[in-house]
Amino acid sequence: MLWVVADYTRIMRQVMYESTASEELGHGNVFGIVAKSSARNAADDLSGFLLFHEGRFLQLLEGEAEPLRATLERVKRDPRHDDLKMLYDVEISERSFPKWTMRRISTSDADAAMIFVAGQHEGVLDPRIRTALERFLGLESVPAGSRPSSRLSR
């Protein structure tokens, strides 16, 4: 009989959280956060994206469980964030955004932001991600026929 032993050290997780920027964080500082996070995430083999909109952050992070946990602990202690709220934390079999060590997504056009993110998946966006983006960008109150859906064209 052949026994297969799972390698639990390589469990992949995906988390999404939102937080409020502290009052001393200027808009220009967001670029610094992205640059530093991108380098650290590359070293930890984490991927994801960050949106900054009307004084709030929405971030998706994914990767191996232990480096992801350590990163979240740093974020929770970061004085530039207040009111951190975890939206979800799930085990995944593959990454949704493997090429983005930390992609900052412009929110100046909410529909364009949705289409940009969905474009990484040939227009099919995980419902958890789509729902969080719609809520964060204020699109949940827009009639269904006039906003990007779970199936978006490129």
N, C-alpha and C. Protein backbone atom coordinates (compact mmCIF):
# COMPACT_ATOMS: atom_id res chain seq x y z
N MET A 1 0.84 -1.16 0.00
CA MET A 1 0.00 0.00 0.00
C MET A 1 0.90 1.24 0.00
N LEU A 2 0.55 2.21 -0.81
CA LEU A 2 1.30 3.46 -0.91
C LEU A 2 0.57 4.54 -0.12
N TRP A 3 1.28 5.15 0.80
CA TRP A 3 0.71 6.23 1.60
C TRP A 3 1.17 7.56 1.04
N VAL A 4 0.24 8.46 0.89
CA VAL A 4 0.57 9.80 0.45
C VAL A 4 0.43 10.72 1.65
N VAL A 5 1.48 11.45 1.93
CA VAL A 5 1.47 12.35 3.07
C VAL A 5 1.40 13.77 2.55
N ALA A 6 0.41 14.50 3.01
CA ALA A 6 0.24 15.89 2.57
C ALA A 6 1.34 16.76 3.15
N ASP A 7 1.80 17.71 2.35
CA ASP A 7 2.79 18.68 2.81
C ASP A 7 2.05 19.92 3.26
N TYR A 8 1.70 19.97 4.55
CA TYR A 8 0.92 21.08 5.08
C TYR A 8 1.70 22.37 5.18
N THR A 9 3.01 22.31 5.03
CA THR A 9 3.79 23.55 5.05
C THR A 9 3.59 24.32 3.75
N ARG A 10 3.04 23.69 2.73
CA ARG A 10 2.84 24.34 1.44
C ARG A 10 1.37 24.65 1.17
N ILE A 11 0.56 24.68 2.21
CA ILE A 11 -0.85 25.02 2.04
C ILE A 11 -0.94 26.46 1.57
N MET A 12 -1.74 26.67 0.53
CA MET A 12 -1.93 28.01 -0.03
C MET A 12 -3.23 28.59 0.52
N ARG A 13 -3.18 29.89 0.81
CA ARG A 13 -4.36 30.59 1.30
C ARG A 13 -4.53 31.88 0.52
N GLN A 14 -5.75 32.35 0.49
CA GLN A 14 -6.06 33.66 -0.08
C GLN A 14 -6.89 34.41 0.95
N VAL A 15 -6.50 35.64 1.21
CA VAL A 15 -7.23 36.47 2.16
C VAL A 15 -7.56 37.80 1.50
N MET A 16 -8.63 38.39 1.96
CA MET A 16 -8.97 39.74 1.55
C MET A 16 -9.43 40.49 2.78
N TYR A 17 -8.91 41.72 2.91
CA TYR A 17 -9.32 42.55 4.02
C TYR A 17 -9.51 43.98 3.54
N GLU A 18 -10.21 44.73 4.35
CA GLU A 18 -10.30 46.17 4.10
C GLU A 18 -9.96 46.88 5.40
N SER A 19 -9.48 48.11 5.25
CA SER A 19 -9.13 48.90 6.41
C SER A 19 -9.27 50.37 6.06
N THR A 20 -9.23 51.19 7.07
CA THR A 20 -9.28 52.64 6.89
C THR A 20 -7.86 53.17 7.06
N ALA A 21 -7.48 54.09 6.18
CA ALA A 21 -6.16 54.70 6.30
C ALA A 21 -6.14 55.62 7.50
N SER A 22 -5.05 55.60 8.24
CA SER A 22 -4.93 56.52 9.36
C SER A 22 -4.84 57.94 8.82
N GLU A 23 -5.16 58.90 9.65
CA GLU A 23 -5.23 60.29 9.20
C GLU A 23 -3.89 60.82 8.74
N GLU A 24 -2.79 60.32 9.28
CA GLU A 24 -1.49 60.84 8.88
C GLU A 24 -0.97 60.26 7.56
N LEU A 25 -1.66 59.28 7.00
CA LEU A 25 -1.23 58.70 5.72
C LEU A 25 -1.67 59.59 4.57
N GLY A 26 -0.72 60.10 3.84
CA GLY A 26 -1.03 60.89 2.66
C GLY A 26 -1.19 59.99 1.45
N HIS A 27 -1.88 60.50 0.42
CA HIS A 27 -2.13 59.70 -0.78
C HIS A 27 -0.82 59.26 -1.43
N GLY A 28 0.20 60.13 -1.41
CA GLY A 28 1.49 59.78 -2.00
C GLY A 28 2.18 58.64 -1.28
N ASN A 29 1.88 58.47 0.00
CA ASN A 29 2.49 57.38 0.77
C ASN A 29 2.00 56.02 0.32
N VAL A 30 0.85 55.96 -0.35
CA VAL A 30 0.33 54.69 -0.83
C VAL A 30 1.30 54.08 -1.83
N PHE A 31 1.92 54.92 -2.67
CA PHE A 31 2.88 54.41 -3.64
C PHE A 31 4.08 53.78 -2.93
N GLY A 32 4.51 54.38 -1.82
CA GLY A 32 5.60 53.82 -1.03
C GLY A 32 5.23 52.48 -0.43
N ILE A 33 4.00 52.37 0.04
CA ILE A 33 3.51 51.10 0.59
C ILE A 33 3.57 50.02 -0.48
N VAL A 34 3.10 50.36 -1.68
CA VAL A 34 3.07 49.38 -2.76
C VAL A 34 4.48 48.94 -3.15
N ALA A 35 5.41 49.89 -3.26
CA ALA A 35 6.78 49.56 -3.64
C ALA A 35 7.43 48.63 -2.61
N LYS A 36 7.29 48.98 -1.33
CA LYS A 36 7.90 48.17 -0.27
C LYS A 36 7.22 46.81 -0.17
N SER A 37 5.88 46.80 -0.27
CA SER A 37 5.14 45.54 -0.19
C SER A 37 5.49 44.61 -1.34
N SER A 38 5.65 45.18 -2.52
CA SER A 38 5.97 44.37 -3.69
C SER A 38 7.30 43.64 -3.50
N ALA A 39 8.29 44.35 -2.99
CA ALA A 39 9.60 43.73 -2.76
C ALA A 39 9.52 42.65 -1.68
N ARG A 40 8.84 42.97 -0.59
CA ARG A 40 8.73 41.99 0.51
C ARG A 40 7.89 40.79 0.07
N ASN A 41 6.80 41.03 -0.65
CA ASN A 41 5.96 39.93 -1.10
C ASN A 41 6.71 39.02 -2.07
N ALA A 42 7.53 39.60 -2.94
CA ALA A 42 8.33 38.78 -3.86
C ALA A 42 9.26 37.86 -3.07
N ALA A 43 9.89 38.40 -2.02
CA ALA A 43 10.78 37.60 -1.18
C ALA A 43 10.03 36.49 -0.45
N ASP A 44 8.77 36.76 -0.07
CA ASP A 44 7.95 35.78 0.65
C ASP A 44 7.08 34.93 -0.28
N ASP A 45 7.20 35.15 -1.58
CA ASP A 45 6.41 34.45 -2.59
C ASP A 45 4.90 34.64 -2.38
N LEU A 46 4.53 35.89 -2.10
CA LEU A 46 3.12 36.25 -1.98
C LEU A 46 2.71 37.06 -3.20
N SER A 47 1.44 37.01 -3.53
CA SER A 47 0.93 37.81 -4.65
C SER A 47 -0.39 38.44 -4.23
N GLY A 48 -0.85 39.41 -5.04
CA GLY A 48 -2.12 40.05 -4.74
C GLY A 48 -2.21 41.45 -5.29
N PHE A 49 -3.19 42.19 -4.79
CA PHE A 49 -3.39 43.56 -5.24
C PHE A 49 -3.86 44.44 -4.09
N LEU A 50 -3.76 45.75 -4.31
CA LEU A 50 -4.16 46.75 -3.33
C LEU A 50 -4.93 47.84 -4.03
N LEU A 51 -6.07 48.20 -3.47
CA LEU A 51 -6.83 49.36 -3.93
C LEU A 51 -6.88 50.36 -2.79
N PHE A 52 -6.78 51.62 -3.14
CA PHE A 52 -6.92 52.71 -2.18
C PHE A 52 -7.98 53.64 -2.75
N HIS A 53 -9.07 53.81 -2.00
CA HIS A 53 -10.21 54.57 -2.51
C HIS A 53 -10.89 55.30 -1.36
N GLU A 54 -10.96 56.61 -1.48
CA GLU A 54 -11.66 57.44 -0.49
C GLU A 54 -11.21 57.14 0.94
N GLY A 55 -9.88 57.03 1.12
CA GLY A 55 -9.33 56.83 2.45
C GLY A 55 -9.42 55.42 2.99
N ARG A 56 -9.72 54.47 2.12
CA ARG A 56 -9.82 53.07 2.55
C ARG A 56 -8.94 52.19 1.69
N PHE A 57 -8.50 51.08 2.26
CA PHE A 57 -7.73 50.06 1.55
C PHE A 57 -8.58 48.82 1.36
N LEU A 58 -8.38 48.16 0.23
CA LEU A 58 -8.89 46.80 0.01
C LEU A 58 -7.70 46.03 -0.53
N GLN A 59 -7.34 44.94 0.16
CA GLN A 59 -6.19 44.18 -0.29
C GLN A 59 -6.51 42.70 -0.35
N LEU A 60 -6.03 42.07 -1.42
CA LEU A 60 -6.08 40.63 -1.57
C LEU A 60 -4.64 40.15 -1.52
N LEU A 61 -4.38 39.14 -0.69
CA LEU A 61 -3.07 38.51 -0.60
C LEU A 61 -3.25 37.01 -0.73
N GLU A 62 -2.28 36.36 -1.38
CA GLU A 62 -2.35 34.91 -1.53
C GLU A 62 -0.93 34.34 -1.54
N GLY A 63 -0.83 33.13 -1.04
CA GLY A 63 0.46 32.45 -0.99
C GLY A 63 0.46 31.39 0.08
N GLU A 64 1.66 30.90 0.40
CA GLU A 64 1.76 29.86 1.42
C GLU A 64 1.32 30.42 2.78
N ALA A 65 0.72 29.56 3.57
CA ALA A 65 0.05 29.96 4.80
C ALA A 65 0.95 30.71 5.78
N GLU A 66 2.16 30.22 6.03
CA GLU A 66 2.99 30.84 7.07
C GLU A 66 3.48 32.24 6.67
N PRO A 67 4.05 32.45 5.49
CA PRO A 67 4.44 33.82 5.13
C PRO A 67 3.23 34.76 5.06
N LEU A 68 2.10 34.24 4.66
CA LEU A 68 0.89 35.05 4.59
C LEU A 68 0.44 35.46 6.00
N ARG A 69 0.48 34.53 6.93
CA ARG A 69 0.13 34.84 8.31
C ARG A 69 1.05 35.91 8.89
N ALA A 70 2.35 35.78 8.64
CA ALA A 70 3.31 36.75 9.15
C ALA A 70 3.06 38.14 8.54
N THR A 71 2.74 38.18 7.27
CA THR A 71 2.44 39.46 6.61
C THR A 71 1.20 40.10 7.20
N LEU A 72 0.17 39.31 7.43
CA LEU A 72 -1.05 39.86 8.03
C LEU A 72 -0.80 40.39 9.43
N GLU A 73 0.06 39.74 10.18
CA GLU A 73 0.40 40.24 11.52
C GLU A 73 1.09 41.60 11.42
N ARG A 74 1.97 41.75 10.44
CA ARG A 74 2.63 43.06 10.23
C ARG A 74 1.60 44.12 9.86
N VAL A 75 0.68 43.77 8.98
CA VAL A 75 -0.35 44.72 8.55
C VAL A 75 -1.20 45.14 9.74
N LYS A 76 -1.58 44.19 10.58
CA LYS A 76 -2.41 44.50 11.75
C LYS A 76 -1.72 45.47 12.71
N ARG A 77 -0.40 45.39 12.78
CA ARG A 77 0.36 46.28 13.67
C ARG A 77 0.73 47.61 13.00
N ASP A 78 0.52 47.72 11.71
CA ASP A 78 0.93 48.92 10.95
C ASP A 78 0.06 50.11 11.36
N PRO A 79 0.66 51.18 11.85
CA PRO A 79 -0.12 52.34 12.30
C PRO A 79 -0.80 53.12 11.16
N ARG A 80 -0.50 52.76 9.93
CA ARG A 80 -1.16 53.44 8.79
C ARG A 80 -2.55 52.88 8.52
N HIS A 81 -2.91 51.78 9.21
CA HIS A 81 -4.22 51.15 9.07
C HIS A 81 -5.01 51.27 10.36
N ASP A 82 -6.29 51.51 10.23
CA ASP A 82 -7.23 51.44 11.34
C ASP A 82 -8.39 50.55 10.92
N ASP A 83 -9.09 50.00 11.88
CA ASP A 83 -10.32 49.25 11.62
C ASP A 83 -10.15 48.16 10.57
N LEU A 84 -9.12 47.36 10.71
CA LEU A 84 -8.91 46.26 9.75
C LEU A 84 -10.00 45.22 9.91
N LYS A 85 -10.64 44.88 8.81
CA LYS A 85 -11.73 43.90 8.83
C LYS A 85 -11.42 42.82 7.80
N MET A 86 -11.30 41.57 8.26
CA MET A 86 -11.04 40.45 7.37
C MET A 86 -12.33 40.09 6.65
N LEU A 87 -12.30 40.10 5.33
CA LEU A 87 -13.49 39.76 4.54
C LEU A 87 -13.58 38.26 4.29
N TYR A 88 -12.45 37.64 4.03
CA TYR A 88 -12.41 36.18 3.94
C TYR A 88 -10.98 35.68 4.03
N ASP A 89 -10.87 34.40 4.37
CA ASP A 89 -9.59 33.69 4.48
C ASP A 89 -9.90 32.25 4.08
N VAL A 90 -9.43 31.85 2.90
CA VAL A 90 -9.77 30.53 2.38
C VAL A 90 -8.51 29.80 1.88
N GLU A 91 -8.58 28.49 1.94
CA GLU A 91 -7.53 27.67 1.34
C GLU A 91 -7.77 27.64 -0.17
N ILE A 92 -6.68 27.71 -0.94
CA ILE A 92 -6.79 27.68 -2.40
C ILE A 92 -5.84 26.63 -2.97
N SER A 93 -6.16 26.14 -4.15
CA SER A 93 -5.28 25.17 -4.81
C SER A 93 -4.33 25.87 -5.78
N GLU A 94 -4.74 27.06 -6.25
CA GLU A 94 -3.86 27.84 -7.12
C GLU A 94 -4.15 29.32 -6.93
N ARG A 95 -3.18 30.13 -7.27
CA ARG A 95 -3.30 31.57 -7.10
C ARG A 95 -4.23 32.17 -8.15
N SER A 96 -4.89 33.23 -7.78
CA SER A 96 -5.70 33.99 -8.73
C SER A 96 -4.87 35.04 -9.46
N PHE A 97 -3.81 35.54 -8.80
CA PHE A 97 -3.00 36.63 -9.36
C PHE A 97 -1.51 36.30 -9.23
N PRO A 98 -1.05 35.24 -9.88
CA PRO A 98 0.32 34.78 -9.66
C PRO A 98 1.40 35.76 -10.13
N LYS A 99 1.08 36.65 -11.05
CA LYS A 99 2.09 37.56 -11.60
C LYS A 99 2.18 38.88 -10.85
N TRP A 100 1.29 39.11 -9.90
CA TRP A 100 1.25 40.39 -9.19
C TRP A 100 1.80 40.23 -7.79
N THR A 101 3.05 40.64 -7.54
CA THR A 101 3.56 40.59 -6.17
C THR A 101 2.84 41.62 -5.31
N MET A 102 2.46 42.73 -5.88
CA MET A 102 1.58 43.71 -5.23
C MET A 102 1.20 44.72 -6.30
N ARG A 103 0.06 44.54 -6.87
CA ARG A 103 -0.41 45.42 -7.92
C ARG A 103 -1.32 46.49 -7.33
N ARG A 104 -0.98 47.75 -7.56
CA ARG A 104 -1.87 48.84 -7.13
C ARG A 104 -2.83 49.08 -8.28
N ILE A 105 -4.10 49.05 -7.98
CA ILE A 105 -5.13 49.21 -9.01
C ILE A 105 -5.78 50.56 -8.84
N SER A 106 -5.80 51.33 -9.90
CA SER A 106 -6.41 52.66 -9.87
C SER A 106 -7.91 52.52 -9.68
N THR A 107 -8.46 53.39 -8.84
CA THR A 107 -9.90 53.36 -8.60
C THR A 107 -10.58 54.62 -9.12
N SER A 108 -9.87 55.39 -9.97
CA SER A 108 -10.48 56.61 -10.50
C SER A 108 -11.69 56.29 -11.36
N ASP A 109 -11.72 55.11 -11.96
CA ASP A 109 -12.87 54.64 -12.74
C ASP A 109 -13.21 53.26 -12.20
N ALA A 110 -14.28 53.16 -11.42
CA ALA A 110 -14.63 51.91 -10.74
C ALA A 110 -14.89 50.78 -11.73
N ASP A 111 -15.63 51.05 -12.81
CA ASP A 111 -15.90 50.00 -13.79
C ASP A 111 -14.61 49.51 -14.43
N ALA A 112 -13.70 50.44 -14.75
CA ALA A 112 -12.43 50.06 -15.36
C ALA A 112 -11.60 49.20 -14.40
N ALA A 113 -11.66 49.51 -13.11
CA ALA A 113 -10.94 48.71 -12.12
C ALA A 113 -11.48 47.28 -12.10
N MET A 114 -12.79 47.13 -12.13
CA MET A 114 -13.41 45.79 -12.15
C MET A 114 -12.98 45.02 -13.40
N ILE A 115 -13.03 45.69 -14.54
CA ILE A 115 -12.67 45.03 -15.80
C ILE A 115 -11.20 44.66 -15.80
N PHE A 116 -10.35 45.53 -15.25
CA PHE A 116 -8.92 45.24 -15.19
C PHE A 116 -8.64 43.99 -14.37
N VAL A 117 -9.24 43.89 -13.20
CA VAL A 117 -9.03 42.72 -12.35
C VAL A 117 -9.59 41.47 -13.02
N ALA A 118 -10.79 41.56 -13.56
CA ALA A 118 -11.41 40.41 -14.22
C ALA A 118 -10.63 39.99 -15.45
N GLY A 119 -9.98 40.93 -16.09
CA GLY A 119 -9.19 40.63 -17.28
C GLY A 119 -8.06 39.66 -17.02
N GLN A 120 -7.63 39.54 -15.78
CA GLN A 120 -6.58 38.59 -15.43
C GLN A 120 -7.11 37.16 -15.45
N HIS A 121 -8.42 37.01 -15.57
CA HIS A 121 -9.06 35.69 -15.54
C HIS A 121 -9.94 35.47 -16.75
N GLU A 122 -9.56 36.05 -17.87
CA GLU A 122 -10.34 35.95 -19.10
C GLU A 122 -11.79 36.32 -18.85
N GLY A 123 -11.99 37.31 -17.99
CA GLY A 123 -13.31 37.85 -17.74
C GLY A 123 -14.10 37.15 -16.65
N VAL A 124 -13.64 36.00 -16.16
CA VAL A 124 -14.37 35.28 -15.11
C VAL A 124 -13.72 35.59 -13.78
N LEU A 125 -14.47 36.21 -12.89
CA LEU A 125 -13.94 36.64 -11.61
C LEU A 125 -14.61 35.89 -10.49
N ASP A 126 -13.83 35.38 -9.56
CA ASP A 126 -14.35 34.67 -8.40
C ASP A 126 -15.41 35.53 -7.73
N PRO A 127 -16.56 34.95 -7.39
CA PRO A 127 -17.64 35.73 -6.78
C PRO A 127 -17.25 36.46 -5.50
N ARG A 128 -16.37 35.87 -4.68
CA ARG A 128 -15.93 36.56 -3.46
C ARG A 128 -15.19 37.84 -3.80
N ILE A 129 -14.31 37.75 -4.79
CA ILE A 129 -13.52 38.92 -5.19
C ILE A 129 -14.44 39.96 -5.84
N ARG A 130 -15.32 39.51 -6.74
CA ARG A 130 -16.23 40.43 -7.43
C ARG A 130 -17.11 41.18 -6.43
N THR A 131 -17.69 40.45 -5.48
CA THR A 131 -18.58 41.07 -4.50
C THR A 131 -17.84 42.10 -3.64
N ALA A 132 -16.63 41.74 -3.19
CA ALA A 132 -15.85 42.68 -2.37
C ALA A 132 -15.48 43.92 -3.17
N LEU A 133 -15.07 43.75 -4.42
CA LEU A 133 -14.74 44.90 -5.27
C LEU A 133 -15.95 45.78 -5.51
N GLU A 134 -17.08 45.18 -5.82
CA GLU A 134 -18.30 45.96 -6.07
C GLU A 134 -18.68 46.78 -4.84
N ARG A 135 -18.63 46.16 -3.68
CA ARG A 135 -18.98 46.86 -2.46
C ARG A 135 -17.98 47.98 -2.16
N PHE A 136 -16.71 47.67 -2.27
CA PHE A 136 -15.65 48.64 -1.97
C PHE A 136 -15.72 49.85 -2.91
N LEU A 137 -16.01 49.60 -4.18
CA LEU A 137 -16.04 50.67 -5.19
C LEU A 137 -17.41 51.32 -5.31
N GLY A 138 -18.38 50.87 -4.52
CA GLY A 138 -19.71 51.47 -4.54
C GLY A 138 -20.54 51.07 -5.74
N LEU A 139 -20.28 49.89 -6.29
CA LEU A 139 -21.02 49.44 -7.47
C LEU A 139 -22.19 48.53 -7.12
N GLU A 140 -22.32 48.13 -5.85
CA GLU A 140 -23.38 47.18 -5.51
C GLU A 140 -24.77 47.76 -5.66
N SER A 141 -24.89 49.07 -5.67
CA SER A 141 -26.22 49.67 -5.81
C SER A 141 -26.54 50.02 -7.27
N VAL A 142 -25.59 49.73 -8.17
CA VAL A 142 -25.81 50.00 -9.59
C VAL A 142 -26.62 48.85 -10.17
N PRO A 143 -27.63 49.15 -11.01
CA PRO A 143 -28.43 48.07 -11.61
C PRO A 143 -27.55 47.05 -12.33
N ALA A 144 -27.90 45.76 -12.18
CA ALA A 144 -27.08 44.67 -12.70
C ALA A 144 -26.77 44.80 -14.18
N GLY A 145 -27.66 45.28 -14.99
CA GLY A 145 -27.42 45.38 -16.42
C GLY A 145 -26.46 46.48 -16.83
N SER A 146 -26.11 47.36 -15.90
CA SER A 146 -25.26 48.50 -16.26
C SER A 146 -23.91 48.49 -15.57
N ARG A 147 -23.48 47.33 -15.06
CA ARG A 147 -22.16 47.24 -14.44
C ARG A 147 -21.50 45.95 -14.88
N PRO A 148 -20.17 45.87 -14.70
CA PRO A 148 -19.48 44.62 -15.05
C PRO A 148 -20.04 43.47 -14.23
N SER A 149 -20.21 42.32 -14.85
CA SER A 149 -20.76 41.16 -14.16
C SER A 149 -19.65 40.17 -13.88
N SER A 150 -20.05 38.97 -13.45
CA SER A 150 -19.04 37.96 -13.17
C SER A 150 -18.37 37.48 -14.46
N ARG A 151 -18.99 37.73 -15.58
CA ARG A 151 -18.40 37.39 -16.88
C ARG A 151 -18.23 38.70 -17.63
N LEU A 152 -17.00 39.17 -17.74
CA LEU A 152 -16.72 40.46 -18.38
C LEU A 152 -16.00 40.22 -19.69
N SER A 153 -16.28 41.07 -20.67
CA SER A 153 -15.55 40.96 -21.92
C SER A 153 -14.27 41.76 -21.81
N ARG A 154 -13.29 41.39 -22.56
CA ARG A 154 -12.01 42.10 -22.55
C ARG A 154 -12.06 43.28 -23.47
